[in-house]
Protein backbone atom coordinates (compact mmCIF):
# COMPACT_ATOMS: atom_id res chain seq x y z
CA MET A 1 0.59 0.26 -0.01
CA ASP A 2 0.85 3.55 -0.26
CA ASP A 3 1.69 5.92 2.61
CA ARG A 4 -1.86 6.99 3.45
CA THR A 5 -3.33 6.19 6.78
CA LEU A 6 -6.31 3.91 6.89
CA ALA A 7 -8.45 4.17 10.65
CA VAL A 8 -10.09 0.53 11.67
CA GLU A 9 -12.22 -0.28 14.44
CA THR A 10 -13.17 -4.00 15.33
CA SER A 11 -15.74 -5.03 17.73
CA GLY A 12 -17.52 -8.24 19.00
CA LYS A 13 -16.04 -11.20 19.44
CA ALA A 14 -12.57 -11.66 18.77
CA ASP A 15 -12.02 -14.16 17.03
CA GLY A 16 -15.23 -14.20 15.53
CA PHE A 17 -16.15 -14.73 12.19
CA PRO A 18 -14.60 -11.66 10.37
CA ILE A 19 -17.05 -9.30 8.27
CA PHE A 20 -16.03 -6.15 7.00
CA LEU A 21 -19.53 -3.22 7.54
CA MET A 22 -18.84 -0.26 4.95
CA HIS A 23 -20.04 2.98 5.96
CA GLY A 24 -22.69 5.00 3.97
CA MET A 25 -22.43 8.69 2.39
CA PRO A 26 -21.23 10.64 4.79
CA GLY A 27 -20.33 7.56 7.66
CA SER A 28 -17.61 6.68 9.35
CA ARG A 29 -16.24 3.52 11.31
CA SER A 30 -17.95 4.55 14.26
CA GLY A 31 -21.48 4.66 12.61
CA PRO A 32 -24.20 2.19 14.07
CA LYS A 33 -23.78 -1.37 14.16
CA PRO A 34 -24.94 -4.15 16.33
CA ARG A 35 -23.84 -3.61 19.86
CA SER A 36 -21.27 -6.56 21.19
CA MET A 37 -22.91 -8.44 22.61
CA ILE A 38 -25.01 -9.49 19.83
CA LEU A 39 -21.86 -9.82 17.42
CA HIS A 40 -20.08 -12.15 20.07
CA LEU A 41 -23.67 -14.22 20.21
CA LEU A 42 -23.23 -14.13 16.32
CA GLY A 43 -19.63 -15.50 16.70
CA ILE A 44 -19.17 -12.41 14.46
CA ARG A 45 -15.75 -9.99 14.74
CA LEU A 46 -16.99 -6.71 13.12
CA ILE A 47 -14.70 -4.69 11.09
CA CYS A 48 -15.27 -1.02 10.46
CA TYR A 49 -13.12 1.59 8.74
CA ASP A 50 -12.90 5.23 7.48
CA ARG A 51 -13.28 5.37 3.97
CA PRO A 52 -10.46 7.63 2.36
CA GLY A 53 -11.16 11.59 3.79
CA TYR A 54 -12.98 10.72 6.15
CA GLY A 55 -12.90 10.42 10.06
CA ARG A 56 -9.00 9.58 10.58
CA SER A 57 -8.03 7.94 7.58
CA THR A 58 -5.58 9.88 4.84
CA ARG A 59 -7.53 11.41 2.19
CA HIS A 60 -7.31 9.04 -1.38
CA PRO A 61 -7.70 12.01 -4.57
CA ARG A 62 -9.65 10.86 -7.16
CA ARG A 63 -10.23 7.93 -6.30
CA ARG A 64 -12.84 5.47 -7.55
CA VAL A 65 -15.63 3.13 -6.08
CA VAL A 66 -13.14 0.16 -6.58
CA ASP A 67 -10.32 1.72 -5.04
CA ALA A 68 -11.76 -0.25 -1.86
CA VAL A 69 -10.44 -3.36 -2.58
CA ARG A 70 -6.93 -2.24 -2.07
CA ASP A 71 -7.88 -0.43 0.98
CA VAL A 72 -9.96 -3.55 2.18
CA HIS A 73 -7.30 -5.98 0.93
CA ALA A 74 -4.65 -3.77 3.11
CA ILE A 75 -6.54 -4.41 6.05
CA ALA A 76 -7.21 -7.78 5.35
CA ASP A 77 -3.63 -8.67 5.46
CA HIS A 78 -2.94 -6.17 8.46
CA LEU A 79 -4.97 -8.78 10.22
CA GLU A 80 -4.19 -12.14 8.91
CA LEU A 81 -7.51 -12.83 7.49
CA ASP A 82 -7.71 -15.93 5.72
CA ALA A 83 -11.19 -15.61 4.66
CA PHE A 84 -13.95 -12.58 5.62
CA ALA A 85 -17.38 -11.43 3.97
CA VAL A 86 -17.83 -7.92 2.89
CA VAL A 87 -21.97 -5.95 3.96
CA GLY A 88 -21.97 -2.26 2.66
CA ARG A 89 -24.81 0.10 3.47
CA SER A 90 -26.09 3.10 1.29
CA GLY A 91 -22.70 4.73 -0.05
CA GLY A 92 -21.04 1.91 1.20
CA GLY A 93 -22.55 -0.65 -1.00
CA PRO A 94 -21.16 -0.05 -4.21
CA HIS A 95 -17.80 -0.50 -2.35
CA ALA A 96 -18.27 -3.80 -0.88
CA LEU A 97 -19.69 -4.86 -4.47
CA ALA A 98 -15.81 -3.41 -5.62
CA CYS A 99 -14.14 -6.66 -3.02
CA ALA A 100 -16.94 -9.31 -4.41
CA ALA A 101 -15.71 -8.03 -8.00
CA SER A 102 -12.62 -8.65 -7.27
CA ASP A 103 -9.82 -11.47 -8.35
CA LEU A 104 -7.85 -9.90 -5.80
CA PHE A 105 -9.50 -12.03 -3.06
CA THR A 106 -10.61 -14.99 -5.04
CA GLY A 107 -10.99 -17.99 -2.87
CA ARG A 108 -10.95 -15.71 -0.02
CA LEU A 109 -13.87 -13.59 0.28
CA THR A 110 -16.91 -15.57 1.20
CA ARG A 111 -20.20 -13.40 0.52
CA ALA A 112 -21.45 -9.88 -0.10
CA ALA A 113 -24.80 -8.28 0.83
CA VAL A 114 -25.58 -4.67 0.07
CA LEU A 115 -28.53 -2.88 2.02
CA VAL A 116 -29.79 0.75 0.54
CA SER A 117 -27.70 0.79 -2.01
CA PRO A 118 -27.81 3.12 -5.60
CA ALA A 119 -26.88 1.92 -9.14
CA PRO A 120 -24.43 3.45 -11.18
CA THR A 121 -25.09 6.56 -12.19
CA ASP A 122 -24.86 5.68 -15.90
CA ALA A 123 -26.95 1.65 -15.28
CA PRO A 124 -28.80 1.17 -18.96
CA GLY A 125 -32.67 1.33 -18.66
CA LEU A 126 -32.31 3.25 -14.99
CA ASP A 127 -34.44 6.12 -14.23
CA TRP A 128 -31.89 7.13 -12.07
CA TYR A 129 -33.60 9.92 -10.44
CA ALA A 130 -37.08 8.80 -10.24
CA GLY A 131 -37.82 9.10 -6.25
CA MET A 132 -35.31 10.02 -5.02
CA ALA A 133 -34.71 12.79 -2.40
CA PRO A 134 -34.10 16.68 -3.27
CA SER A 135 -30.38 16.98 -1.30
CA ASN A 136 -30.01 13.34 -3.13
CA VAL A 137 -30.60 14.40 -6.43
CA GLN A 138 -28.84 17.89 -5.92
CA ALA A 139 -25.61 16.39 -4.35
CA TYR A 140 -25.27 13.41 -7.19
CA ARG A 141 -25.91 16.31 -10.23
CA GLU A 142 -23.67 18.42 -8.71
CA ALA A 143 -20.99 16.11 -9.12
CA MET A 144 -21.53 15.26 -12.16
CA SER A 145 -21.94 18.84 -13.97
CA ASP A 146 -20.30 21.68 -11.63
CA GLN A 147 -17.87 20.02 -8.99
CA ARG A 148 -17.17 23.48 -7.87
CA ARG A 149 -20.37 24.10 -6.38
CA LEU A 150 -20.88 20.53 -4.88
CA ILE A 151 -17.29 21.73 -3.04
CA GLU A 152 -19.14 24.45 -2.18
CA SER A 153 -22.20 22.95 -0.84
CA LEU A 154 -20.79 19.88 0.96
CA THR A 155 -18.38 21.92 2.97
CA ILE A 156 -21.09 24.01 4.00
CA ARG A 157 -23.01 21.61 5.56
CA ALA A 158 -19.67 19.75 6.75
CA ASP A 159 -18.70 22.29 9.06
CA ARG A 160 -22.21 23.35 9.98
CA THR A 161 -21.91 19.23 10.89
CA ARG A 162 -18.73 20.18 13.18
CA ARG A 163 -19.94 22.78 15.30
CA ASP A 164 -23.77 21.06 15.61
CA PRO A 165 -23.37 17.56 14.78
CA ALA A 166 -27.65 16.81 15.16
CA SER A 167 -27.43 19.81 12.49
CA VAL A 168 -27.16 16.50 9.32
CA VAL A 169 -29.68 14.36 10.86
CA SER A 170 -32.19 17.22 11.26
CA PHE A 171 -31.26 18.71 7.95
CA LEU A 172 -32.38 15.18 6.21
CA ASP A 173 -35.71 15.84 8.43
CA GLY A 174 -38.37 16.90 5.73
CA GLU A 175 -36.89 14.16 3.45
CA LEU A 176 -37.77 11.43 5.76
CA SER A 177 -40.78 9.14 5.37
CA ALA A 178 -42.75 7.96 8.18
CA ALA A 179 -41.32 4.28 8.46
CA ASP A 180 -37.91 6.76 8.41
CA ARG A 181 -39.25 9.00 10.93
CA ASN A 182 -39.80 5.59 13.07
CA VAL A 183 -36.32 4.98 13.06
CA VAL A 184 -34.47 8.19 13.18
CA GLU A 185 -36.72 9.76 16.59
CA ASP A 186 -35.52 7.16 18.28
CA VAL A 187 -33.22 8.81 20.23
CA ALA A 188 -30.00 6.66 21.01
CA MET A 189 -30.41 6.28 17.05
CA ARG A 190 -30.34 9.34 16.15
CA ARG A 191 -26.87 10.22 18.81
CA GLN A 192 -25.08 7.37 16.80
CA LEU A 193 -25.83 9.02 12.83
CA ALA A 194 -24.75 12.26 14.72
CA ALA A 195 -21.63 10.92 16.38
CA SER A 196 -20.34 9.27 12.73
CA PHE A 197 -21.24 12.48 11.04
CA ALA A 198 -19.28 13.96 13.70
CA GLU A 199 -16.50 11.85 12.71
CA ALA A 200 -16.78 11.60 9.17
CA VAL A 201 -16.02 15.03 9.21
CA ARG A 202 -13.89 15.70 12.04
CA PHE A 203 -11.05 17.48 9.53
CA GLY A 204 -13.70 18.69 6.84
CA ALA A 205 -15.77 17.14 3.56
CA ASP A 206 -12.83 15.97 2.11
CA GLY A 207 -13.98 11.96 2.02
CA TRP A 208 -17.71 13.29 1.32
CA ILE A 209 -16.54 15.20 -1.52
CA ASP A 210 -15.09 11.81 -3.00
CA ASP A 211 -17.87 9.87 -2.43
CA ALA A 212 -20.25 11.49 -4.17
CA LEU A 213 -18.05 12.38 -6.92
CA ALA A 214 -16.75 8.43 -7.02
CA LEU A 215 -20.69 7.29 -6.68
CA SER A 216 -21.32 9.08 -9.97
CA GLN A 217 -18.63 8.11 -11.94
CA ASP A 218 -17.72 4.53 -13.90
CA TRP A 219 -17.25 2.66 -10.44
CA GLY A 220 -13.84 0.53 -12.62
CA PHE A 221 -16.07 -3.06 -12.72
CA ASP A 222 -18.82 -4.70 -13.59
CA PRO A 223 -21.50 -6.29 -11.57
CA SER A 224 -22.04 -8.91 -13.93
CA SER A 225 -18.70 -9.99 -13.05
CA ILE A 226 -19.51 -11.05 -10.12
CA ASN A 227 -19.31 -14.71 -8.72
CA VAL A 228 -19.01 -15.40 -4.98
CA PRO A 229 -23.17 -15.32 -3.04
CA VAL A 230 -24.71 -11.57 -3.33
CA ARG A 231 -27.82 -11.20 -0.61
CA LEU A 232 -29.48 -7.40 -1.78
CA TRP A 233 -31.71 -5.87 0.56
CA HIS A 234 -33.83 -2.47 0.12
CA GLY A 235 -37.20 -1.25 1.66
CA ALA A 236 -39.75 -0.01 -0.36
CA ASP A 237 -40.40 3.18 0.95
CA ASP A 238 -36.71 4.10 0.41
CA ALA A 239 -36.43 8.35 -0.64
CA PHE A 240 -32.38 8.28 -0.46
CA SER A 241 -31.26 4.85 -2.62
CA PRO A 242 -34.85 4.02 -4.31
CA VAL A 243 -35.77 0.51 -4.38
CA SER A 244 -35.39 0.41 -8.53
CA HIS A 245 -31.81 0.89 -7.99
CA ALA A 246 -31.70 -2.61 -5.89
CA ARG A 247 -33.84 -4.53 -8.90
CA TRP A 248 -31.29 -2.96 -11.51
CA LEU A 249 -29.18 -4.45 -9.23
CA LYS A 250 -30.38 -7.67 -8.68
CA SER A 251 -31.02 -7.79 -12.51
CA GLN A 252 -27.17 -7.61 -13.21
CA ILE A 253 -25.53 -9.45 -10.10
CA PRO A 254 -25.78 -13.43 -11.62
CA HIS A 255 -27.78 -15.41 -8.61
CA ALA A 256 -27.89 -12.17 -6.52
CA GLU A 257 -30.87 -12.90 -3.30
CA PHE A 258 -32.97 -9.98 -3.75
CA GLU A 259 -35.55 -8.53 -0.56
CA GLU A 260 -37.44 -5.46 -1.12
CA GLN A 261 -39.42 -5.49 2.50
CA PRO A 262 -42.88 -3.34 1.56
CA GLY A 263 -43.53 0.00 4.52
CA VAL A 264 -39.96 0.67 5.45
CA GLY A 265 -37.17 3.34 4.43
CA HIS A 266 -33.86 4.02 4.16
CA PHE A 267 -32.61 3.69 7.61
CA ALA A 268 -34.35 0.81 8.38
CA ALA A 269 -30.93 -0.65 6.94
CA MET A 270 -29.59 -0.65 10.49
CA LEU A 271 -32.66 -2.06 11.93
CA ILE A 272 -32.48 -5.34 9.25
CA LEU A 273 -28.07 -5.82 9.89
CA PRO A 274 -27.65 -8.53 12.48
CA ASP A 275 -29.94 -10.70 10.06
CA ILE A 276 -27.85 -9.59 6.98
CA LEU A 277 -24.64 -10.25 9.15
CA ALA A 278 -25.76 -14.57 10.58
CA TRP A 279 -25.93 -14.49 6.92
CA LEU A 280 -22.85 -13.42 5.87
CA ALA A 281 -21.38 -15.31 8.56
CA THR A 282 -23.00 -18.84 7.52
CA PRO A 283 -20.42 -21.51 6.03
CA GLN A 284 -21.54 -22.05 2.46
CA VAL A 285 -22.15 -25.57 1.99
CA ASP A 286 -21.41 -27.87 -0.98
CA LEU A 287 -23.33 -29.61 -3.08
CA VAL A 288 -21.95 -32.95 -3.69
CA ASP A 289 -23.95 -35.40 -6.63
CA ALA A 290 -24.11 -39.14 -4.82
CA ARG A 291 -22.86 -40.67 -7.67
CA PRO A 292 -19.18 -41.87 -7.83
CA GLY A 293 -17.06 -38.79 -8.42
CA GLY A 294 -20.22 -36.24 -9.31
CA ARG A 295 -19.92 -33.36 -7.80
CA VAL A 296 -22.52 -29.89 -8.27
């Protein structure tokens, strides 16, 4: 790896099955996650890291989504992981898919899960902005056509978040569905989100800006090349990454499982996470043909 620094945090069972959790946009390693007791019961060692430019991780200028592969590879090598799984939430979803598509992890990455992820902005046949909240429409349009304006607007929001971490949650209140409001109004959840956002912009808006740029450009890999088991989950009432994005990803990723849950929105991804982690930690079963020498 180069001379950048990656901030990494592990929780749960020290000798449990390793799973990388990739945070949203904005986000950080301290984002909402199951309590350590739950992770222990699931037998999971959860690994979270700040993507470059967020929190305490050094910026990686002009990074693409696919560049997450090298960062995860460096962390996995440092932690001496023989096998692991990945899950990405919201803006972390494409980064998890990049790892699932990489030959660098052949025989090492067992499964991948993606919660409320956006699809590529150039996804054929997808009306990309349909049903999307105005704040996300604005950010992505600026990323694709007016980067100067994107830098200005996200810098202002990051400065406001540092002064008042709860402001970034309040900023979204007007765009929350009733289902999402029920999740976010929980005091403990709101506190976790505010703490994660504050850590994300500790040293500025660089990570947030670079995420928006990376997600709105070519991701650097083809989702149809993924050949590890993938599970997609999406709330039907998601206004931040509309469910049509997950349907498109399902159409592209061979043999992907897809659950579309009615009556829930974007932030329900944090509530479903324990179930997803349990699936990721489940050993794969090889199907064997009972005939002599047979195997499927």
